Amino acid sequence: MKPFDATLVPAGVSNAQVTVWRGDEVRAQADWLADEVPVALVFNGISHAVMLASPADLEDFALGFGLTEGLLASAAELYGVDVQPVATGIEVQMDVASSCAWRLKERRRSMAGRTGCGLCGVDSLVQVRRELPALPAVQVAPQALARAQRELRHEQAMQQLTGAAHAAAWCGLDGQVLLAREDIGRHNALDKLVGAMTRAAVNPAQGFICITSRASFEMVQKTAAAGVGALAAVSAPTSLAVQTAHDCGLALAGFVRGDDCVAYTFPERFGLHHGH
């Protein structure tokens, strides 16, 4: 790896010494690792979730997570964010409105006393698939999808150094990347992006989201929760993601690579029409 200007190293990246085998050659060299830190999201003093995340853009993360998980009805319900490093990781202390605190209590109450794993209980199925807003029927040409993926590669400083990060970008309808966030987790990257979009007061009808991962159900739901009408993924969606996108009116494209893409819902919005 060529020497790298330390002033250009993004937050969330650490230096490491590694031993490299290439053919018959063995040598020690410097390399870069993506930081993976436990981040506790604390709402009015109550810890709601601990996520393994990159320790950058945590104010965006707090806001985006609150919005895409349906805990915050709007950014106005988040009064303040205080990022506190602690011995075991980072606490993100969120000062929220009483209505948000009530939603948290209701969610915690419904999950109390359940055995098994997290959201696997029958009582949680309604919560898994939340009501989503009506989405704008945006038109995105395949050329815009290709441009977005191409430009997003240049926004991935952490990925270029470490090979261990995902990214999510807010793009104009022409494919220009306007905002981008990285994280070791694809959901975290999307939450950070939604937080950044909300702070920037973007109009969700004026663009689409591009991601460097597969399009899982959660990625579709978080995109829809942000009011965005189209999602472009470099990899495949799942069946539940496609069904959810269809039900909520999200135009979903996968395998966006070079000039190629696959429309899984609403192909007409990507200017794609079935051949004869």
Protein backbone atom coordinates (compact mmCIF):
# COMPACT_ATOMS: atom_id res chain seq x y z
CA MET A 1 0.00 0.00 0.00
CA LYS A 2 1.34 3.44 -0.87
CA PRO A 3 2.05 5.93 1.94
CA PHE A 4 -1.05 7.86 2.91
CA ASP A 5 -1.27 11.44 4.14
CA ALA A 6 -2.28 11.06 7.79
CA THR A 7 -4.24 14.32 7.66
CA LEU A 8 -6.58 12.69 5.12
CA VAL A 9 -7.39 9.64 7.24
CA PRO A 10 -11.14 9.67 7.97
CA ALA A 11 -12.54 9.31 11.47
CA GLY A 12 -13.10 5.69 12.43
CA VAL A 13 -9.87 4.35 10.90
CA SER A 14 -6.83 3.08 12.84
CA ASN A 15 -3.30 2.20 11.81
CA ALA A 16 -2.08 -1.38 12.15
CA GLN A 17 1.00 -3.47 11.40
CA VAL A 18 0.25 -6.58 9.36
CA THR A 19 2.17 -9.43 7.73
CA VAL A 20 1.39 -9.97 4.07
CA TRP A 21 1.92 -13.14 2.01
CA ARG A 22 1.98 -12.64 -1.79
CA GLY A 23 3.11 -15.73 -3.64
CA ASP A 24 6.43 -16.70 -2.06
CA GLU A 25 7.05 -13.25 -0.60
CA VAL A 26 6.34 -12.44 3.06
CA ARG A 27 6.70 -8.91 4.41
CA ALA A 28 5.55 -6.68 7.25
CA GLN A 29 3.81 -3.46 6.35
CA ALA A 30 1.51 -0.76 7.68
CA ASP A 31 -2.20 -1.05 6.97
CA TRP A 32 -5.51 0.47 8.03
CA LEU A 33 -8.38 -1.02 10.02
CA ALA A 34 -11.98 0.17 10.36
CA ASP A 35 -12.85 0.93 13.98
CA GLU A 36 -15.77 -1.07 15.40
CA VAL A 37 -17.13 0.46 18.60
CA PRO A 38 -20.14 -0.38 20.80
CA VAL A 39 -22.43 2.67 20.59
CA ALA A 40 -25.28 2.91 23.10
CA LEU A 41 -28.24 5.05 22.03
CA VAL A 42 -29.67 6.47 25.24
CA PHE A 43 -33.07 8.20 25.16
CA ASN A 44 -33.73 10.44 28.19
CA GLY A 45 -31.38 8.36 30.30
CA ILE A 46 -32.73 4.97 29.15
CA SER A 47 -30.49 2.85 26.94
CA HIS A 48 -32.60 1.56 24.04
CA ALA A 49 -30.06 -0.08 21.74
CA VAL A 50 -26.37 -0.88 21.56
CA MET A 51 -25.04 -0.99 18.02
CA LEU A 52 -21.58 -1.91 16.75
CA ALA A 53 -20.75 1.08 14.60
CA SER A 54 -18.06 3.36 13.24
CA PRO A 55 -17.41 6.20 15.71
CA ALA A 56 -18.06 9.04 13.23
CA ASP A 57 -21.16 11.15 12.47
CA LEU A 58 -22.86 9.92 15.64
CA GLU A 59 -25.19 12.93 15.85
CA ASP A 60 -26.46 12.00 12.38
CA PHE A 61 -26.71 8.38 13.53
CA ALA A 62 -28.82 9.25 16.58
CA LEU A 63 -31.27 11.34 14.57
CA GLY A 64 -31.46 8.94 11.63
CA PHE A 65 -31.93 5.86 13.83
CA GLY A 66 -34.68 7.59 15.82
CA LEU A 67 -36.51 8.55 12.62
CA THR A 68 -36.12 5.32 10.63
CA GLU A 69 -37.05 3.15 13.62
CA GLY A 70 -40.24 5.16 14.16
CA LEU A 71 -39.16 6.40 17.59
CA LEU A 72 -38.96 10.06 16.56
CA ALA A 73 -41.97 11.41 14.66
CA SER A 74 -39.81 14.30 13.44
CA ALA A 75 -36.43 15.93 14.06
CA ALA A 76 -38.21 18.45 16.30
CA GLU A 77 -38.64 15.71 18.94
CA LEU A 78 -34.86 15.45 19.36
CA TYR A 79 -33.82 18.38 21.54
CA GLY A 80 -30.13 17.60 21.85
CA VAL A 81 -27.39 14.97 21.42
CA ASP A 82 -24.36 14.51 23.65
CA VAL A 83 -21.67 12.03 22.56
CA GLN A 84 -19.84 10.63 25.58
CA PRO A 85 -16.86 8.26 25.29
CA VAL A 86 -16.93 5.71 28.12
CA ALA A 87 -14.60 2.87 29.08
CA THR A 88 -16.52 0.25 27.09
CA GLY A 89 -17.47 2.33 24.03
CA ILE A 90 -19.52 5.43 23.34
CA GLU A 91 -22.80 6.60 24.83
CA VAL A 92 -24.96 8.85 22.66
CA GLN A 93 -27.20 10.68 25.12
CA MET A 94 -30.37 11.90 23.40
CA ASP A 95 -32.68 14.47 24.97
CA VAL A 96 -36.08 13.72 23.44
CA ALA A 97 -39.68 14.89 23.68
CA SER A 98 -42.08 13.13 26.03
CA SER A 99 -43.98 11.69 23.03
CA CYS A 100 -40.81 9.91 21.89
CA ALA A 101 -40.16 8.65 25.42
CA TRP A 102 -43.72 7.27 25.49
CA ARG A 103 -43.17 5.38 22.20
CA LEU A 104 -40.02 3.88 23.66
CA LYS A 105 -41.83 2.76 26.79
CA GLU A 106 -44.61 1.14 24.74
CA ARG A 107 -42.09 -0.72 22.61
CA ARG A 108 -40.13 -1.88 25.66
CA ARG A 109 -43.32 -2.95 27.42
CA SER A 110 -44.42 -5.10 24.47
CA MET A 111 -41.00 -6.77 24.41
CA ALA A 112 -40.76 -7.39 28.15
CA GLY A 113 -40.80 -10.96 29.39
CA ARG A 114 -40.38 -12.47 25.95
CA THR A 115 -38.07 -15.40 25.45
CA GLY A 116 -36.01 -15.99 22.34
CA CYS A 117 -34.33 -13.45 20.14
CA GLY A 118 -35.24 -9.80 19.89
CA LEU A 119 -37.99 -9.24 17.37
CA CYS A 120 -38.72 -12.94 16.78
CA GLY A 121 -41.67 -13.04 19.20
CA VAL A 122 -45.16 -13.20 17.70
CA ASP A 123 -46.19 -10.04 19.55
CA SER A 124 -43.57 -8.07 17.62
CA LEU A 125 -44.74 -8.89 14.08
CA VAL A 126 -46.90 -5.79 13.85
CA GLN A 127 -43.95 -3.69 14.99
CA VAL A 128 -41.58 -5.25 12.46
CA ARG A 129 -43.68 -4.04 9.53
CA ARG A 130 -44.64 -0.51 10.45
CA GLU A 131 -46.95 1.86 8.61
CA LEU A 132 -44.92 3.83 6.11
CA PRO A 133 -45.62 7.21 4.50
CA ALA A 134 -46.85 7.64 0.95
CA LEU A 135 -43.77 7.92 -1.24
CA PRO A 136 -43.10 10.23 -4.19
CA ALA A 137 -43.16 8.47 -7.58
CA VAL A 138 -39.74 9.72 -8.67
CA GLN A 139 -38.33 9.06 -12.15
CA VAL A 140 -34.69 7.90 -12.18
CA ALA A 141 -32.98 6.98 -15.45
CA PRO A 142 -30.56 4.03 -15.53
CA GLN A 143 -27.80 6.51 -16.42
CA ALA A 144 -28.45 8.30 -13.12
CA LEU A 145 -28.17 5.01 -11.21
CA ALA A 146 -24.84 4.29 -12.91
CA ARG A 147 -23.55 7.79 -12.13
CA ALA A 148 -24.57 7.48 -8.48
CA GLN A 149 -22.71 4.20 -7.99
CA ARG A 150 -19.67 5.60 -9.81
CA GLU A 151 -19.57 8.80 -7.75
CA LEU A 152 -20.25 6.97 -4.49
CA ARG A 153 -17.00 5.02 -4.89
CA HIS A 154 -15.12 8.31 -4.65
CA GLU A 155 -16.93 9.19 -1.40
CA GLN A 156 -15.76 6.03 0.38
CA ALA A 157 -12.53 7.07 2.08
CA MET A 158 -12.96 4.50 4.85
CA GLN A 159 -13.71 1.69 2.41
CA GLN A 160 -10.74 2.60 0.19
CA LEU A 161 -8.38 2.41 3.17
CA THR A 162 -9.83 -0.58 5.03
CA GLY A 163 -12.07 -2.59 2.69
CA ALA A 164 -14.49 -2.98 5.60
CA ALA A 165 -17.13 -0.25 5.25
CA HIS A 166 -20.52 0.26 3.64
CA ALA A 167 -21.82 3.57 2.33
CA ALA A 168 -25.16 5.20 1.64
CA ALA A 169 -25.67 8.30 -0.49
CA TRP A 170 -28.40 10.83 -1.17
CA CYS A 171 -28.37 11.55 -4.89
CA GLY A 172 -30.09 14.07 -7.11
CA LEU A 173 -32.39 12.71 -9.79
CA ASP A 174 -29.47 13.07 -12.23
CA GLY A 175 -27.37 10.73 -10.08
CA GLN A 176 -25.07 13.36 -8.54
CA VAL A 177 -24.05 12.34 -5.02
CA LEU A 178 -25.06 15.18 -2.70
CA LEU A 179 -24.53 13.57 0.71
CA ALA A 180 -22.77 10.36 1.73
CA ARG A 181 -22.07 8.51 4.98
CA GLU A 182 -19.95 5.44 5.74
CA ASP A 183 -20.09 2.83 8.49
CA ILE A 184 -19.03 -0.75 9.10
CA GLY A 185 -22.74 -1.60 9.13
CA ARG A 186 -25.03 -1.03 6.15
CA HIS A 187 -27.99 -0.11 8.38
CA ASN A 188 -25.83 2.34 10.33
CA ALA A 189 -24.58 3.99 7.14
CA LEU A 190 -28.19 4.48 6.00
CA ASP A 191 -29.27 5.84 9.40
CA LYS A 192 -26.35 8.31 9.37
CA LEU A 193 -27.35 9.39 5.87
CA VAL A 194 -31.00 9.92 6.86
CA GLY A 195 -29.85 12.00 9.83
CA ALA A 196 -27.63 14.10 7.55
CA MET A 197 -30.45 14.50 5.02
CA THR A 198 -32.83 15.64 7.75
CA ARG A 199 -30.33 18.18 9.10
CA ALA A 200 -29.78 19.48 5.56
CA ALA A 201 -33.57 19.75 5.08
CA VAL A 202 -33.47 17.98 1.71
CA ASN A 203 -36.68 17.40 -0.20
CA PRO A 204 -37.04 13.59 -0.41
CA ALA A 205 -39.00 13.94 -3.67
CA GLN A 206 -35.94 15.43 -5.38
CA GLY A 207 -33.66 12.39 -5.40
CA PHE A 208 -32.99 8.79 -4.42
CA ILE A 209 -30.77 6.74 -2.13
CA CYS A 210 -27.88 4.62 -3.37
CA ILE A 211 -26.28 1.92 -1.17
CA THR A 212 -23.22 -0.32 -1.45
CA SER A 213 -24.91 -3.38 0.04
CA ARG A 214 -27.78 -5.74 -0.57
CA ALA A 215 -31.28 -4.34 -0.13
CA SER A 216 -32.66 -6.10 2.93
CA PHE A 217 -36.15 -5.51 4.30
CA GLU A 218 -34.74 -3.10 6.87
CA MET A 219 -32.93 -1.04 4.23
CA VAL A 220 -36.18 -0.72 2.27
CA GLN A 221 -38.19 0.18 5.37
CA LYS A 222 -35.66 2.79 6.52
CA THR A 223 -35.59 4.36 3.04
CA ALA A 224 -39.39 4.51 2.97
CA ALA A 225 -39.52 5.89 6.51
CA ALA A 226 -37.34 8.76 5.28
CA GLY A 227 -39.95 9.52 2.59
CA VAL A 228 -37.61 8.64 -0.29
CA GLY A 229 -39.23 7.12 -3.39
CA ALA A 230 -36.37 5.10 -4.93
CA LEU A 231 -33.53 2.90 -3.66
CA ALA A 232 -30.61 1.65 -5.74
CA ALA A 233 -28.46 -1.19 -4.37
CA VAL A 234 -25.25 -2.69 -5.72
CA SER A 235 -26.38 -6.18 -4.69
CA ALA A 236 -29.64 -8.14 -4.58
CA PRO A 237 -32.78 -7.50 -2.52
CA THR A 238 -34.56 -10.13 -0.45
CA SER A 239 -38.10 -11.31 -1.19
CA LEU A 240 -39.48 -9.44 1.84
CA ALA A 241 -37.67 -6.29 0.71
CA VAL A 242 -39.27 -6.52 -2.75
CA GLN A 243 -42.72 -7.19 -1.29
CA THR A 244 -42.36 -4.27 1.13
CA ALA A 245 -41.11 -1.94 -1.63
CA HIS A 246 -44.07 -2.90 -3.81
CA ASP A 247 -46.56 -2.40 -0.98
CA CYS A 248 -45.26 1.04 0.02
CA GLY A 249 -44.60 2.39 -3.48
CA LEU A 250 -40.78 2.31 -3.42
CA ALA A 251 -39.00 1.92 -6.75
CA LEU A 252 -36.28 -0.65 -6.03
CA ALA A 253 -33.28 -1.39 -8.24
CA GLY A 254 -30.59 -3.98 -7.50
CA PHE A 255 -27.35 -5.15 -9.10
CA VAL A 256 -26.60 -1.56 -10.10
CA ARG A 257 -23.14 -2.10 -11.58
CA GLY A 258 -21.70 -0.10 -14.42
CA ASP A 259 -24.49 0.49 -16.91
CA ASP A 260 -26.46 -2.55 -15.76
CA CYS A 261 -29.31 -2.76 -13.25
CA VAL A 262 -32.33 -4.88 -12.36
CA ALA A 263 -35.67 -3.25 -11.51
CA TYR A 264 -37.55 -5.25 -8.87
CA THR A 265 -40.49 -2.87 -8.54
CA PHE A 266 -41.98 -0.12 -10.75
CA PRO A 267 -39.61 -0.57 -13.74
CA GLU A 268 -41.35 2.28 -15.56
CA ARG A 269 -39.93 4.74 -13.01
CA PHE A 270 -36.43 3.75 -14.10
CA GLY A 271 -37.41 4.15 -17.75
CA LEU A 272 -37.18 0.38 -18.18
CA HIS A 273 -39.78 -1.41 -20.27
CA HIS A 274 -40.21 -5.09 -20.98
CA GLY A 275 -39.04 -6.22 -24.40
CA HIS A 276 -41.16 -8.38 -26.65
